[in-house]
Amino acid sequence: MRDGKHVILCVDDDDDILESLQIILEASGYIVERASSAEEGLKRYKAVQPDLVLCDLMMEEVDAGTNFAKELRFLGNEAPVFMLSSVGDNLNRNIDYSALGLNGVLQKPIQPKTLLALLKVKLSDD
């Protein structure tokens, strides 16, 4: 938390997605930190220690998102991590996301009400 607000790290190589996430989250009282690659995401993660992470599945490389999640787990991350995917609902059935250190997968385009309800539940323990 920073200034009494939860910090959400959003990692995606699509600036439009980052912009829309920032608008939705900041309008709901969250602080948003952005990164446009997995490498930049790791640097931002270390610098800000976010309360929750939203990360695209496929960025500069097909497996960049899953590798990012594995790196967070290696670093001892305890913040919830949700993968953003446009691959389709089958991803939920084909990946053991808990083994990757993920708390779940959200389908793009993300519905603001769904996202905000999820954040409320995941961040309510603080």
Protein backbone atom coordinates (compact mmCIF):
# COMPACT_ATOMS: atom_id res chain seq x y z
CA MET A 1 0.00 0.00 0.00
CA ARG A 2 1.01 3.54 -0.65
CA ASP A 3 -0.77 6.51 0.89
CA GLY A 4 -3.53 4.18 2.08
CA LYS A 5 -4.20 2.85 -1.42
CA HIS A 6 -3.43 -0.57 -2.91
CA VAL A 7 -0.75 -0.64 -5.59
CA ILE A 8 -1.51 -2.70 -8.71
CA LEU A 9 1.29 -3.56 -11.15
CA CYS A 10 -0.01 -3.95 -14.71
CA VAL A 11 2.35 -5.61 -17.21
CA ASP A 12 1.31 -5.70 -20.87
CA ASP A 13 2.98 -4.86 -24.18
CA ASP A 14 -0.22 -3.25 -25.47
CA ASP A 15 -0.32 0.42 -24.45
CA ASP A 16 -4.09 0.56 -25.02
CA ILE A 17 -4.62 -2.24 -22.48
CA LEU A 18 -2.33 -0.52 -19.96
CA GLU A 19 -4.13 2.78 -20.47
CA SER A 20 -7.59 1.26 -20.01
CA LEU A 21 -6.49 -0.65 -16.90
CA GLN A 22 -4.99 2.52 -15.45
CA ILE A 23 -8.18 4.52 -16.07
CA ILE A 24 -10.42 1.84 -14.53
CA LEU A 25 -8.18 1.18 -11.52
CA GLU A 26 -7.30 4.78 -10.67
CA ALA A 27 -10.97 5.79 -10.92
CA SER A 28 -11.64 3.11 -8.29
CA GLY A 29 -8.98 4.37 -5.88
CA TYR A 30 -6.00 2.16 -6.76
CA ILE A 31 -2.45 3.25 -7.55
CA VAL A 32 -1.27 1.82 -10.88
CA GLU A 33 2.29 1.01 -11.80
CA ARG A 34 2.83 0.08 -15.46
CA ALA A 35 5.37 -1.97 -17.38
CA SER A 36 5.39 -2.85 -21.08
CA SER A 37 7.56 -5.99 -20.92
CA ALA A 38 8.27 -8.86 -18.56
CA GLU A 39 11.78 -7.52 -17.93
CA GLU A 40 10.46 -4.05 -17.10
CA GLY A 41 7.74 -5.69 -15.00
CA LEU A 42 10.33 -7.43 -12.83
CA LYS A 43 12.16 -4.14 -12.28
CA ARG A 44 8.91 -2.35 -11.35
CA TYR A 45 7.90 -5.26 -9.08
CA LYS A 46 11.17 -5.02 -7.15
CA ALA A 47 10.90 -1.22 -6.92
CA VAL A 48 7.28 -0.90 -5.80
CA GLN A 49 6.36 -4.24 -4.15
CA PRO A 50 2.76 -4.15 -5.43
CA ASP A 51 -0.27 -5.53 -3.62
CA LEU A 52 -1.48 -7.33 -6.76
CA VAL A 53 -0.10 -8.02 -10.26
CA LEU A 54 -1.94 -8.19 -13.59
CA CYS A 55 0.26 -9.60 -16.36
CA ASP A 56 -0.32 -10.35 -20.04
CA LEU A 57 0.29 -13.96 -21.07
CA MET A 58 1.95 -13.25 -24.43
CA MET A 59 4.20 -10.23 -24.72
CA GLU A 60 7.60 -9.94 -26.38
CA GLU A 61 7.78 -13.75 -26.43
CA VAL A 62 4.99 -16.31 -26.35
CA ASP A 63 5.87 -17.49 -22.83
CA ALA A 64 6.96 -14.11 -21.41
CA GLY A 65 3.99 -13.91 -19.03
CA THR A 66 4.45 -17.39 -17.59
CA ASN A 67 8.18 -16.81 -17.19
CA PHE A 68 7.43 -13.52 -15.45
CA ALA A 69 5.09 -15.33 -13.03
CA LYS A 70 7.74 -17.96 -12.33
CA GLU A 71 10.31 -15.24 -11.62
CA LEU A 72 7.91 -13.57 -9.16
CA ARG A 73 7.46 -16.87 -7.35
CA PHE A 74 11.25 -17.34 -7.26
CA LEU A 75 11.53 -13.88 -5.67
CA GLY A 76 9.14 -14.96 -2.90
CA ASN A 77 6.17 -12.96 -4.15
CA GLU A 78 3.11 -13.15 -1.91
CA ALA A 79 0.91 -10.71 -3.85
CA PRO A 80 -1.88 -12.24 -5.94
CA VAL A 81 -0.91 -12.58 -9.61
CA PHE A 82 -3.49 -12.78 -12.40
CA MET A 83 -2.65 -13.54 -16.00
CA LEU A 84 -4.43 -11.59 -18.73
CA SER A 85 -5.13 -13.65 -21.83
CA SER A 86 -6.84 -13.27 -25.16
CA VAL A 87 -6.14 -16.93 -26.00
CA GLY A 88 -9.57 -18.10 -24.90
CA ASP A 89 -11.31 -19.85 -22.04
CA ASN A 90 -9.52 -23.13 -22.78
CA LEU A 91 -6.44 -21.68 -21.11
CA ASN A 92 -8.10 -22.15 -17.72
CA ARG A 93 -8.45 -25.86 -18.43
CA ASN A 94 -5.03 -26.37 -20.03
CA ILE A 95 -2.74 -24.67 -17.52
CA ASP A 96 -2.17 -25.46 -13.87
CA TYR A 97 -1.80 -21.80 -13.08
CA SER A 98 -1.19 -22.39 -9.36
CA ALA A 99 2.02 -24.23 -10.30
CA LEU A 100 3.13 -21.06 -12.09
CA GLY A 101 2.45 -18.93 -9.04
CA LEU A 102 -0.77 -17.51 -10.49
CA ASN A 103 -4.05 -16.94 -8.70
CA GLY A 104 -6.06 -17.08 -11.91
CA VAL A 105 -6.53 -16.10 -15.52
CA LEU A 106 -8.66 -13.20 -16.75
CA GLN A 107 -9.92 -13.13 -20.33
CA LYS A 108 -9.42 -10.06 -22.51
CA PRO A 109 -11.28 -7.88 -23.02
CA ILE A 110 -11.55 -7.51 -19.26
CA GLN A 111 -14.92 -6.43 -17.94
CA PRO A 112 -14.35 -3.57 -15.47
CA LYS A 113 -17.02 -4.78 -13.02
CA THR A 114 -15.50 -8.29 -12.98
CA LEU A 115 -11.99 -6.93 -12.45
CA LEU A 116 -13.02 -4.56 -9.66
CA ALA A 117 -15.04 -7.26 -7.87
CA LEU A 118 -12.04 -9.60 -8.02
CA LEU A 119 -9.69 -6.93 -6.65
CA LYS A 120 -12.07 -6.15 -3.82
CA VAL A 121 -12.09 -9.81 -2.77
CA LYS A 122 -8.34 -10.42 -3.22
CA LEU A 123 -7.26 -7.24 -1.44
CA SER A 124 -9.82 -7.27 1.38
CA ASP A 125 -7.46 -8.95 3.86
CA ASP A 126 -5.32 -5.82 4.20
